[in-house]
Structure formats: structure tokens, C-alpha cells
Amino acid sequence: MPDPPSHTVPVAIVGGGPVGLFLGICLQKAGVPSLILEQRAAPSSNSRSLGIHPPALELFKDLGMADQLISRGVRIKKGHAYSSTGKMGSLSFDSCPPPFNFILSLPQSQTEQLLEHELRRLNSQSIIRKARVTGIKDRNNKVTLTYRTPEGEHTLRAQYLIGCDGKNSFIRQQAGIPFEGYSYPDTYVMGDFTDNTEFGTDAAVFLCDEGLIESFPLPDNRRRWVVKTGRYHSSPRRTIIEEAVRQRISHSLSHTDHFMLSSFGVQKRIARPMVQNRLILAGDAAHVVSPIGGQGMNLGWLGARQLADCLRTILICDLPGNDLLYRFQQDQIKAVNNAIARSEFNMRLGRKAPFPALRNATVSWMLLPPFAPLMARLFTMHGLRRWII
């Protein structure tokens, strides 16, 4: 039987989600040829992750893509905090460094579409869809992958393999890399509805005695609702969100349309190591943090940009890679641990509090000067690699 068709590329990326596509763009712009293998036939149609934080917008500005994203999304410049008894205060992001003193709300489906369009503009042959990786061999100075497409079996050889294939990463499992961490007890249901509130482009967080409710604006006059639940709902219904919103904050969603429903639990996990010889993990394949706070996708982009710079230095400048990749790994571990600390803080605020009056007083205090500017930077992911928290 003949060997499957083979080809060679400096960098192979497995996974064409937001982090894999972003990394591919960074490498193409840096002059490093790469190829993405993605088993899905098309980009995601699910809104999923929404928030693009200022540090990520700075990266997109460097790539010449920030204006495209901003033109499609909603700028969130302020958030409001409520308890079961009334408003605790507001937090403005105006104190954050311009020009990105806001969080951009854009459904992940649209973000992925823009990323893939830009990638194909740079190199129309840089992604293969319906390509399922079936095996990897990491040997000395190259990595060999086998993958299957509708046309048959193929072989790809690369100097570096980047696993961007999500929290259930096939690449990580094949490499035998531990994924350390655990699941939290917290569970949530989220959905996108027609916006019938008066919040406009502002976000709102309700720290109710019965559990957290979050509300974020979306493009096209829609709004994302997230409610904390007492258990995981494998088949969520809109009535779960409707009843929670009605009972906890006296707001009705009964005459609105809904466009997406999803349940999720919460984990924190980190791959150790993220770099193993010529195999490198990025995005959710390398680390998972709580979705509360919207840091996960952005964290993946921040790591992917540093990784692209490392690979450019190694492959184009022909410098040794061990020290650079070790520094990348250490920087990313620090950023992940700080993101975990911030997300745990957000989750604790949203749990049922034994002393809600004390929690509410603390939140109200944090929203006042001189603490508000610090809180604004924490909630917009500034300083992940510099600050203690």
C-alpha cells in the first residue's frame, strides 16, 4: 500500500478556532509559513464568547484588524452593579488607557468569520477544513502528523506543532501532557434575547440573594443573559432564564425572541508543560479559566501573539528556541494564574453570600474613588503579566 501524500511546513497548527486563526494570521504577517488543520467544515455559528478586552484590541490594532471588529461590535463603556435591594454603583472604563477604554461585545461566530477572512486574504491555502488529525510523532528536529480529509489520508511534517484544539485537545492527549486542575461546583445557563431593557450599551450585574445574573449588550438589538443555577441543565430551556430574571430582578423576557441557549459548568486547568520538545499548546488546549469575566479567549490571543514572536525569532532569525519558549511558557503560566485569581473573585461575588449585606457594602466601596480606576483595569484584563492579581 503506498504512503499517504505528504507535505512540509515550518509551523503546523491543529485547531481553527479563534486562537488558532489568530496565531495563523500573526505567523503569516511575520513571514512564517503555517498551515491550520481544522476538523469542522465551517466557522462556528454560535455566539459563545463575547468580550474582546482592551489588551486584545491592541493586538488586533497591530494586525490592522481592530477597526473591522469595532465596526461590527458594541462598545461597553460602563457597567452597573445591583443587589436584591437596589443599585450599588457603576463602573466606567473611561479611566482605562485610550483608545480602547471599553470592552467590545462581538459574538464569537462573527469574530471567527473575520479572522478566517483575513487569514485567507494573506494566504488562501493556509487552512484545511474537514481535516481530522489521527496521529502525531515528535522526533528530534521535526513533528510528523497524519490527518484524514474526505479525499483520504495525508501526512504533514513541521518544525513545530501548535495544539489549539480546545480543552479536550487530541494533541495534548496524544503527547501525554497532564491537564492539572478541577471543576468548580458553579453552574450557569446563558441565552441571547431581544433587548427589551433600558441599559443600551451598558452591562449590568445583579448580585442577587438567590444567585448571580449578568446582562450584556450584543449587536442587532440583542442582549446576553447569564444566570447562576443550582444544578447543571443538560437541555436548557428559555424558561430557566425567564423565571430567574423575573423572580430575582423583576424583569420580564416573556415577549422577546431568543437566539441561543446554553448551559455551562466551570473549570480551572493548566497543561504542564505547555512546551514539550517541538510540540506547543495554546488557547484552551493549554489552559481553561472560568468564563465569568470573559477572559479565556483573550488569554489565548495574548499567548498566541507572544508565541508567534518566539517562532519568528527561532525560524527566521535562526536563534536557539529553548530559552525563548521557556520564557513564553513561564509568562503564560503567570498570566493564567492571575486570570484564574480574577475569575475566582468574580465567581465568589456571584455566589449566595452568607452575609449579603457585607458583600454588597464591599462592592459599593470598590466602585468608589480611588478604587474604581483600579477595578476598571482589573475587569478589562490589564496587567495580567505584571500585577500580583
Protein backbone atom coordinates (compact mmCIF):
# COMPACT_ATOMS: atom_id res chain seq x y z
CA MET A 1 0.00 0.00 0.00
CA PRO A 2 1.52 3.39 -0.98
CA ASP A 3 2.35 6.00 1.67
CA PRO A 4 -0.21 8.82 2.03
CA PRO A 5 0.56 12.13 0.26
CA SER A 6 2.91 14.29 2.33
CA HIS A 7 3.90 17.94 2.56
CA THR A 8 6.10 20.10 4.78
CA VAL A 9 5.55 23.41 6.57
CA PRO A 10 7.53 25.27 9.27
CA VAL A 11 4.56 25.50 11.67
CA ALA A 12 1.50 23.23 11.80
CA ILE A 13 -1.49 24.43 13.83
CA VAL A 14 -4.19 21.97 14.85
CA GLY A 15 -7.45 23.78 15.55
CA GLY A 16 -9.01 26.64 13.60
CA GLY A 17 -10.96 28.36 16.35
CA PRO A 18 -10.32 31.97 17.41
CA VAL A 19 -6.85 31.27 18.85
CA GLY A 20 -5.64 29.05 16.01
CA LEU A 21 -6.84 31.51 13.36
CA PHE A 22 -5.28 34.43 15.24
CA LEU A 23 -1.95 32.62 15.55
CA GLY A 24 -2.05 31.79 11.84
CA ILE A 25 -2.52 35.47 10.98
CA CYS A 26 0.33 36.54 13.27
CA LEU A 27 2.66 34.00 11.68
CA GLN A 28 1.70 34.90 8.12
CA LYS A 29 2.29 38.60 8.81
CA ALA A 30 5.65 37.74 10.41
CA GLY A 31 6.72 35.85 7.30
CA VAL A 32 6.47 32.39 8.88
CA PRO A 33 4.52 29.94 6.68
CA SER A 34 1.97 27.91 8.62
CA LEU A 35 -0.92 25.56 7.96
CA ILE A 36 -4.05 25.12 10.07
CA LEU A 37 -5.85 21.77 10.21
CA GLU A 38 -9.46 22.13 11.38
CA GLN A 39 -11.95 19.28 11.52
CA ARG A 40 -15.06 21.48 11.35
CA ALA A 41 -16.40 22.24 7.88
CA ALA A 42 -17.08 25.94 8.64
CA PRO A 43 -16.54 28.55 11.37
CA SER A 44 -18.76 28.35 14.43
CA SER A 45 -22.28 29.75 14.07
CA ASN A 46 -22.70 30.02 17.87
CA SER A 47 -22.33 33.39 19.60
CA ARG A 48 -20.45 31.78 22.56
CA SER A 49 -17.69 34.13 23.83
CA LEU A 50 -18.46 37.83 23.52
CA GLY A 51 -16.00 40.16 25.17
CA ILE A 52 -12.87 41.42 23.43
CA HIS A 53 -10.84 43.24 26.06
CA PRO A 54 -8.53 46.25 25.54
CA PRO A 55 -5.22 44.29 25.59
CA ALA A 56 -6.57 42.06 22.80
CA LEU A 57 -7.83 45.08 20.85
CA GLU A 58 -4.26 46.42 20.96
CA LEU A 59 -3.10 43.19 19.31
CA PHE A 60 -5.77 43.49 16.63
CA LYS A 61 -4.71 47.08 16.03
CA ASP A 62 -1.18 45.83 15.34
CA LEU A 63 -2.64 43.37 12.82
CA GLY A 64 -4.73 46.09 11.16
CA MET A 65 -7.99 44.41 12.20
CA ALA A 66 -9.28 46.47 15.15
CA ASP A 67 -11.49 48.75 13.06
CA GLN A 68 -13.19 45.79 11.37
CA LEU A 69 -14.07 44.24 14.72
CA ILE A 70 -15.17 47.51 16.32
CA SER A 71 -17.45 48.36 13.38
CA ARG A 72 -19.39 45.14 13.96
CA GLY A 73 -19.49 45.09 17.74
CA VAL A 74 -20.89 47.10 20.65
CA ARG A 75 -18.62 49.21 22.83
CA ILE A 76 -19.32 48.60 26.51
CA LYS A 77 -18.00 51.66 28.36
CA LYS A 78 -19.86 51.24 31.64
CA GLY A 79 -21.25 48.54 33.91
CA HIS A 80 -23.84 48.78 36.68
CA ALA A 81 -23.97 46.65 39.83
CA TYR A 82 -27.18 45.82 41.69
CA SER A 83 -28.09 43.84 44.77
CA SER A 84 -31.50 42.42 45.66
CA THR A 85 -32.27 45.71 47.38
CA GLY A 86 -31.15 48.21 44.74
CA LYS A 87 -28.27 49.75 42.83
CA MET A 88 -24.81 49.56 44.42
CA GLY A 89 -22.97 51.70 41.90
CA SER A 90 -21.48 51.92 38.41
CA LEU A 91 -18.05 51.33 36.94
CA SER A 92 -16.82 53.39 34.00
CA PHE A 93 -13.99 52.23 31.77
CA ASP A 94 -13.17 55.82 30.74
CA SER A 95 -10.19 55.75 33.11
CA CYS A 96 -8.56 52.93 31.10
CA PRO A 97 -5.89 53.93 28.56
CA PRO A 98 -7.28 55.19 25.24
CA PRO A 99 -8.12 54.45 22.51
CA PHE A 100 -9.56 51.18 23.81
CA ASN A 101 -11.20 52.32 27.02
CA PHE A 102 -14.09 49.88 26.53
CA ILE A 103 -14.85 46.19 26.18
CA LEU A 104 -16.04 45.20 22.72
CA SER A 105 -19.04 42.88 22.62
CA LEU A 106 -18.99 40.75 19.46
CA PRO A 107 -20.29 37.18 19.08
CA GLN A 108 -17.52 34.62 18.62
CA SER A 109 -19.11 33.48 15.37
CA GLN A 110 -18.53 36.89 13.79
CA THR A 111 -15.03 37.13 15.26
CA GLU A 112 -14.09 33.78 13.72
CA GLN A 113 -15.52 34.80 10.34
CA LEU A 114 -13.41 37.96 10.30
CA LEU A 115 -10.30 36.08 11.40
CA GLU A 116 -10.66 33.45 8.70
CA HIS A 117 -11.34 36.05 6.01
CA GLU A 118 -8.14 37.87 6.98
CA LEU A 119 -6.14 34.64 7.08
CA ARG A 120 -7.32 33.60 3.61
CA ARG A 121 -6.60 37.10 2.31
CA LEU A 122 -2.99 36.66 3.43
CA ASN A 123 -2.73 33.10 2.12
CA SER A 124 -5.68 31.28 0.60
CA GLN A 125 -4.01 27.89 1.23
CA SER A 126 -3.30 28.44 4.93
CA ILE A 127 -6.20 26.40 6.36
CA ILE A 128 -7.59 22.97 5.52
CA ARG A 129 -11.08 22.26 6.82
CA LYS A 130 -12.65 18.84 7.36
CA ALA A 131 -9.17 17.67 8.37
CA ARG A 132 -9.10 15.36 11.38
CA VAL A 133 -5.68 14.64 12.89
CA THR A 134 -5.25 10.93 13.57
CA GLY A 135 -1.68 10.72 14.89
CA ILE A 136 1.48 12.66 15.79
CA LYS A 137 5.15 11.77 16.14
CA ASP A 138 7.55 14.25 17.75
CA ARG A 139 11.04 13.20 16.68
CA ASN A 140 14.24 15.24 17.10
CA ASN A 141 14.03 18.20 14.69
CA LYS A 142 10.54 17.67 13.26
CA VAL A 143 6.98 16.64 14.04
CA THR A 144 5.02 14.35 11.75
CA LEU A 145 1.21 14.40 11.68
CA THR A 146 -1.24 12.14 9.91
CA TYR A 147 -4.67 13.53 9.16
CA ARG A 148 -7.75 12.47 7.26
CA THR A 149 -9.91 14.54 4.89
CA PRO A 150 -12.78 13.44 2.63
CA GLU A 151 -10.09 12.87 -0.02
CA GLY A 152 -8.19 10.38 2.14
CA GLU A 153 -5.18 10.09 4.47
CA HIS A 154 -2.35 12.67 4.43
CA THR A 155 0.98 13.28 6.15
CA LEU A 156 2.27 16.68 7.27
CA ARG A 157 5.79 17.38 8.55
CA ALA A 158 6.56 20.53 10.53
CA GLN A 159 9.35 22.03 12.57
CA TYR A 160 6.80 22.97 15.26
CA LEU A 161 3.31 21.72 16.05
CA ILE A 162 0.90 24.02 17.89
CA GLY A 163 -2.14 22.44 19.55
CA CYS A 164 -5.03 24.93 19.51
CA ASP A 165 -7.70 22.23 19.56
CA GLY A 166 -9.60 23.16 22.71
CA LYS A 167 -9.92 21.89 26.25
CA ASN A 168 -10.38 18.28 25.08
CA SER A 169 -7.23 18.59 22.97
CA PHE A 170 -6.32 15.49 20.96
CA ILE A 171 -2.78 16.84 20.61
CA ARG A 172 -2.33 17.21 24.37
CA GLN A 173 -3.71 13.74 25.00
CA GLN A 174 -1.50 12.15 22.34
CA ALA A 175 1.54 13.85 23.86
CA GLY A 176 0.64 12.55 27.33
CA ILE A 177 0.70 16.03 28.86
CA PRO A 178 -1.23 16.30 32.17
CA PHE A 179 -4.07 18.82 32.36
CA GLU A 180 -3.96 19.78 36.00
CA GLY A 181 -6.92 21.33 37.79
CA TYR A 182 -10.51 20.65 38.74
CA SER A 183 -14.16 21.63 38.24
CA TYR A 184 -15.92 24.18 40.41
CA PRO A 185 -19.43 23.49 41.77
CA ASP A 186 -20.82 26.54 39.96
CA THR A 187 -23.24 26.07 37.03
CA TYR A 188 -24.93 28.58 34.72
CA VAL A 189 -27.39 28.91 31.86
CA MET A 190 -26.96 31.66 29.27
CA GLY A 191 -29.04 32.86 26.36
CA ASP A 192 -29.28 35.65 23.79
CA PHE A 193 -32.62 37.51 23.67
CA THR A 194 -34.11 40.55 22.02
CA ASP A 195 -33.02 43.50 24.17
CA ASN A 196 -36.04 44.93 25.99
CA THR A 197 -34.05 46.69 28.73
CA GLU A 198 -33.10 50.34 29.14
CA PHE A 199 -29.40 49.60 29.60
CA GLY A 200 -28.48 50.43 26.00
CA THR A 201 -24.77 49.68 25.50
CA ASP A 202 -24.09 49.26 29.23
CA ALA A 203 -23.55 45.98 31.06
CA ALA A 204 -25.39 45.07 34.24
CA VAL A 205 -24.53 42.64 37.02
CA PHE A 206 -27.07 41.61 39.65
CA LEU A 207 -25.67 40.09 42.85
CA CYS A 208 -29.00 38.70 43.99
CA ASP A 209 -29.54 36.77 47.19
CA GLU A 210 -30.74 33.84 45.02
CA GLY A 211 -27.71 33.94 42.71
CA LEU A 212 -25.90 35.94 40.04
CA ILE A 213 -27.47 37.42 36.91
CA GLU A 214 -25.36 39.11 34.22
CA SER A 215 -26.64 41.10 31.25
CA PHE A 216 -24.51 42.28 28.30
CA PRO A 217 -25.41 44.12 25.09
CA LEU A 218 -24.94 42.46 21.72
CA PRO A 219 -25.14 43.81 18.16
CA ASP A 220 -28.52 43.81 16.37
CA ASN A 221 -30.51 44.86 19.45
CA ARG A 222 -29.84 41.66 21.33
CA ARG A 223 -28.71 41.01 24.89
CA ARG A 224 -26.89 38.14 26.56
CA TRP A 225 -28.33 36.93 29.88
CA VAL A 226 -26.34 34.65 32.21
CA VAL A 227 -27.99 33.19 35.32
CA LYS A 228 -26.44 31.11 38.07
CA THR A 229 -28.30 27.85 38.62
CA GLY A 230 -28.45 25.34 41.42
CA ARG A 231 -27.51 22.45 39.14
CA TYR A 232 -26.32 21.73 35.63
CA HIS A 233 -29.08 21.64 32.98
CA SER A 234 -28.10 19.34 30.14
CA SER A 235 -31.04 20.55 27.99
CA PRO A 236 -31.61 24.20 28.95
CA ARG A 237 -34.95 25.89 28.27
CA ARG A 238 -35.59 29.59 27.96
CA THR A 239 -37.97 29.38 30.91
CA ILE A 240 -34.99 28.79 33.21
CA ILE A 241 -33.63 32.23 32.30
CA GLU A 242 -37.08 33.86 32.12
CA GLU A 243 -38.08 32.68 35.60
CA ALA A 244 -34.73 33.59 37.19
CA VAL A 245 -34.77 37.08 35.67
CA ARG A 246 -38.41 37.62 36.69
CA GLN A 247 -38.02 36.31 40.22
CA ARG A 248 -34.64 37.85 41.04
CA ILE A 249 -34.79 41.26 39.35
CA SER A 250 -38.50 41.64 38.40
CA HIS A 251 -37.82 41.93 34.68
CA SER A 252 -39.88 40.11 32.05
CA LEU A 253 -38.44 38.41 28.96
CA SER A 254 -41.73 36.73 28.05
CA HIS A 255 -42.38 38.70 24.83
CA THR A 256 -38.85 38.54 23.45
CA ASP A 257 -37.27 36.25 20.88
CA HIS A 258 -34.33 34.08 21.87
CA PHE A 259 -31.48 33.09 19.57
CA MET A 260 -29.19 30.84 21.62
CA LEU A 261 -29.36 28.83 24.83
CA SER A 262 -26.50 27.03 26.54
CA SER A 263 -25.53 25.55 29.89
CA PHE A 264 -22.02 25.50 31.25
CA GLY A 265 -20.02 24.42 34.22
CA VAL A 266 -16.74 25.97 35.29
CA GLN A 267 -13.22 24.56 35.42
CA LYS A 268 -9.70 25.71 36.01
CA ARG A 269 -6.99 23.67 34.30
CA ILE A 270 -3.47 24.19 33.06
CA ALA A 271 -1.24 21.96 30.94
CA ARG A 272 2.14 21.23 32.47
CA PRO A 273 4.24 21.55 30.42
CA MET A 274 2.82 23.79 27.69
CA VAL A 275 6.01 23.24 25.66
CA GLN A 276 7.28 19.71 25.09
CA ASN A 277 10.16 19.48 22.62
CA ARG A 278 8.62 20.76 19.33
CA LEU A 279 5.02 20.49 20.48
CA ILE A 280 3.41 23.61 21.98
CA LEU A 281 -0.08 24.09 23.42
CA ALA A 282 -2.07 27.32 23.17
CA GLY A 283 -5.55 28.57 24.00
CA ASP A 284 -7.95 26.20 25.76
CA ALA A 285 -5.68 23.27 24.92
CA ALA A 286 -3.16 24.84 27.32
CA HIS A 287 -5.40 26.45 29.92
CA VAL A 288 -9.03 26.79 30.94
CA VAL A 289 -10.35 29.53 33.23
CA SER A 290 -13.85 30.39 34.36
CA PRO A 291 -15.96 32.09 31.65
CA ILE A 292 -17.21 34.55 34.28
CA GLY A 293 -15.30 37.70 33.37
CA GLY A 294 -14.82 36.72 29.72
CA GLN A 295 -11.05 36.22 29.89
CA GLY A 296 -10.47 32.83 28.23
CA MET A 297 -10.43 33.72 24.52
CA ASN A 298 -8.46 36.90 25.17
CA LEU A 299 -5.93 35.00 27.26
CA GLY A 300 -5.41 32.65 24.32
CA TRP A 301 -4.80 35.56 21.95
CA LEU A 302 -2.27 37.18 24.27
CA GLY A 303 -0.32 33.94 24.50
CA ALA A 304 -0.57 33.29 20.75
CA ARG A 305 0.94 36.68 19.95
CA GLN A 306 3.96 36.05 22.19
CA LEU A 307 4.30 32.56 20.72
CA ALA A 308 4.26 33.93 17.17
CA ASP A 309 7.06 36.35 18.07
CA CYS A 310 9.07 33.46 19.53
CA LEU A 311 8.61 31.31 16.44
CA ARG A 312 9.57 34.17 14.15
CA THR A 313 12.80 34.70 16.08
CA ILE A 314 13.59 30.98 16.03
CA LEU A 315 12.70 30.23 12.41
CA ILE A 316 13.64 33.44 10.59
CA CYS A 317 16.46 34.77 12.76
CA ASP A 318 17.74 31.21 13.27
CA LEU A 319 18.24 31.57 17.01
CA PRO A 320 18.05 28.76 19.60
CA GLY A 321 14.49 28.19 20.74
CA ASN A 322 14.74 26.59 24.17
CA ASP A 323 15.19 29.78 26.19
CA LEU A 324 12.57 31.72 24.22
CA LEU A 325 9.95 29.00 24.54
CA TYR A 326 10.71 28.50 28.23
CA ARG A 327 10.13 32.24 28.77
CA PHE A 328 6.89 32.02 26.78
CA GLN A 329 5.72 29.16 28.98
CA GLN A 330 6.59 30.95 32.23
CA ASP A 331 4.94 34.19 31.10
CA GLN A 332 1.81 32.33 30.10
CA ILE A 333 1.62 30.39 33.36
CA LYS A 334 1.82 33.67 35.27
CA ALA A 335 -0.90 35.25 33.13
CA VAL A 336 -3.12 32.19 33.51
CA ASN A 337 -2.73 32.10 37.29
CA ASN A 338 -3.61 35.80 37.53
CA ALA A 339 -6.62 35.29 35.25
CA ILE A 340 -7.74 32.39 37.45
CA ALA A 341 -7.47 34.58 40.57
CA ARG A 342 -9.55 37.32 38.95
CA SER A 343 -12.20 34.89 37.67
CA GLU A 344 -12.47 33.23 41.08
CA PHE A 345 -13.03 36.65 42.62
CA ASN A 346 -15.84 37.29 40.12
CA MET A 347 -17.42 33.89 40.83
CA ARG A 348 -17.30 34.37 44.59
CA LEU A 349 -19.15 37.65 44.24
CA GLY A 350 -21.90 35.88 42.30
CA ARG A 351 -22.46 33.05 44.77
CA LYS A 352 -25.05 33.07 47.51
CA ALA A 353 -23.38 35.03 50.29
CA PRO A 354 -23.75 34.07 53.96
CA PHE A 355 -23.63 37.80 54.77
CA PRO A 356 -25.01 39.58 51.66
CA ALA A 357 -25.08 42.99 53.35
CA LEU A 358 -21.32 42.79 53.95
CA ARG A 359 -20.64 41.67 50.37
CA ASN A 360 -22.83 44.45 48.97
CA ALA A 361 -21.14 47.08 51.11
CA THR A 362 -17.74 45.85 49.91
CA VAL A 363 -18.80 46.04 46.25
CA SER A 364 -20.23 49.54 46.71
CA TRP A 365 -16.94 50.61 48.32
CA MET A 366 -14.90 49.16 45.42
CA LEU A 367 -16.91 51.20 42.92
CA LEU A 368 -15.98 54.49 44.58
CA PRO A 369 -12.84 56.62 44.00
CA PRO A 370 -9.96 55.99 44.39
CA PHE A 371 -10.61 52.26 43.87
CA ALA A 372 -12.81 52.45 40.77
CA PRO A 373 -9.97 53.03 38.25
CA LEU A 374 -8.11 50.00 39.62
CA MET A 375 -11.24 47.86 39.40
CA ALA A 376 -11.82 49.06 35.83
CA ARG A 377 -8.35 47.87 34.84
CA LEU A 378 -8.80 44.55 36.61
CA PHE A 379 -12.11 43.89 34.84
CA THR A 380 -10.57 44.78 31.45
CA MET A 381 -7.61 42.36 31.77
CA HIS A 382 -4.87 44.95 32.11
CA GLY A 383 -1.62 43.87 33.73
CA LEU A 384 -2.05 40.07 33.67
CA ARG A 385 1.70 39.52 33.37
CA ARG A 386 2.78 42.38 35.66
CA TRP A 387 0.40 42.57 38.59
CA ILE A 388 0.21 40.24 41.55
CA ILE A 389 -3.53 39.80 40.87
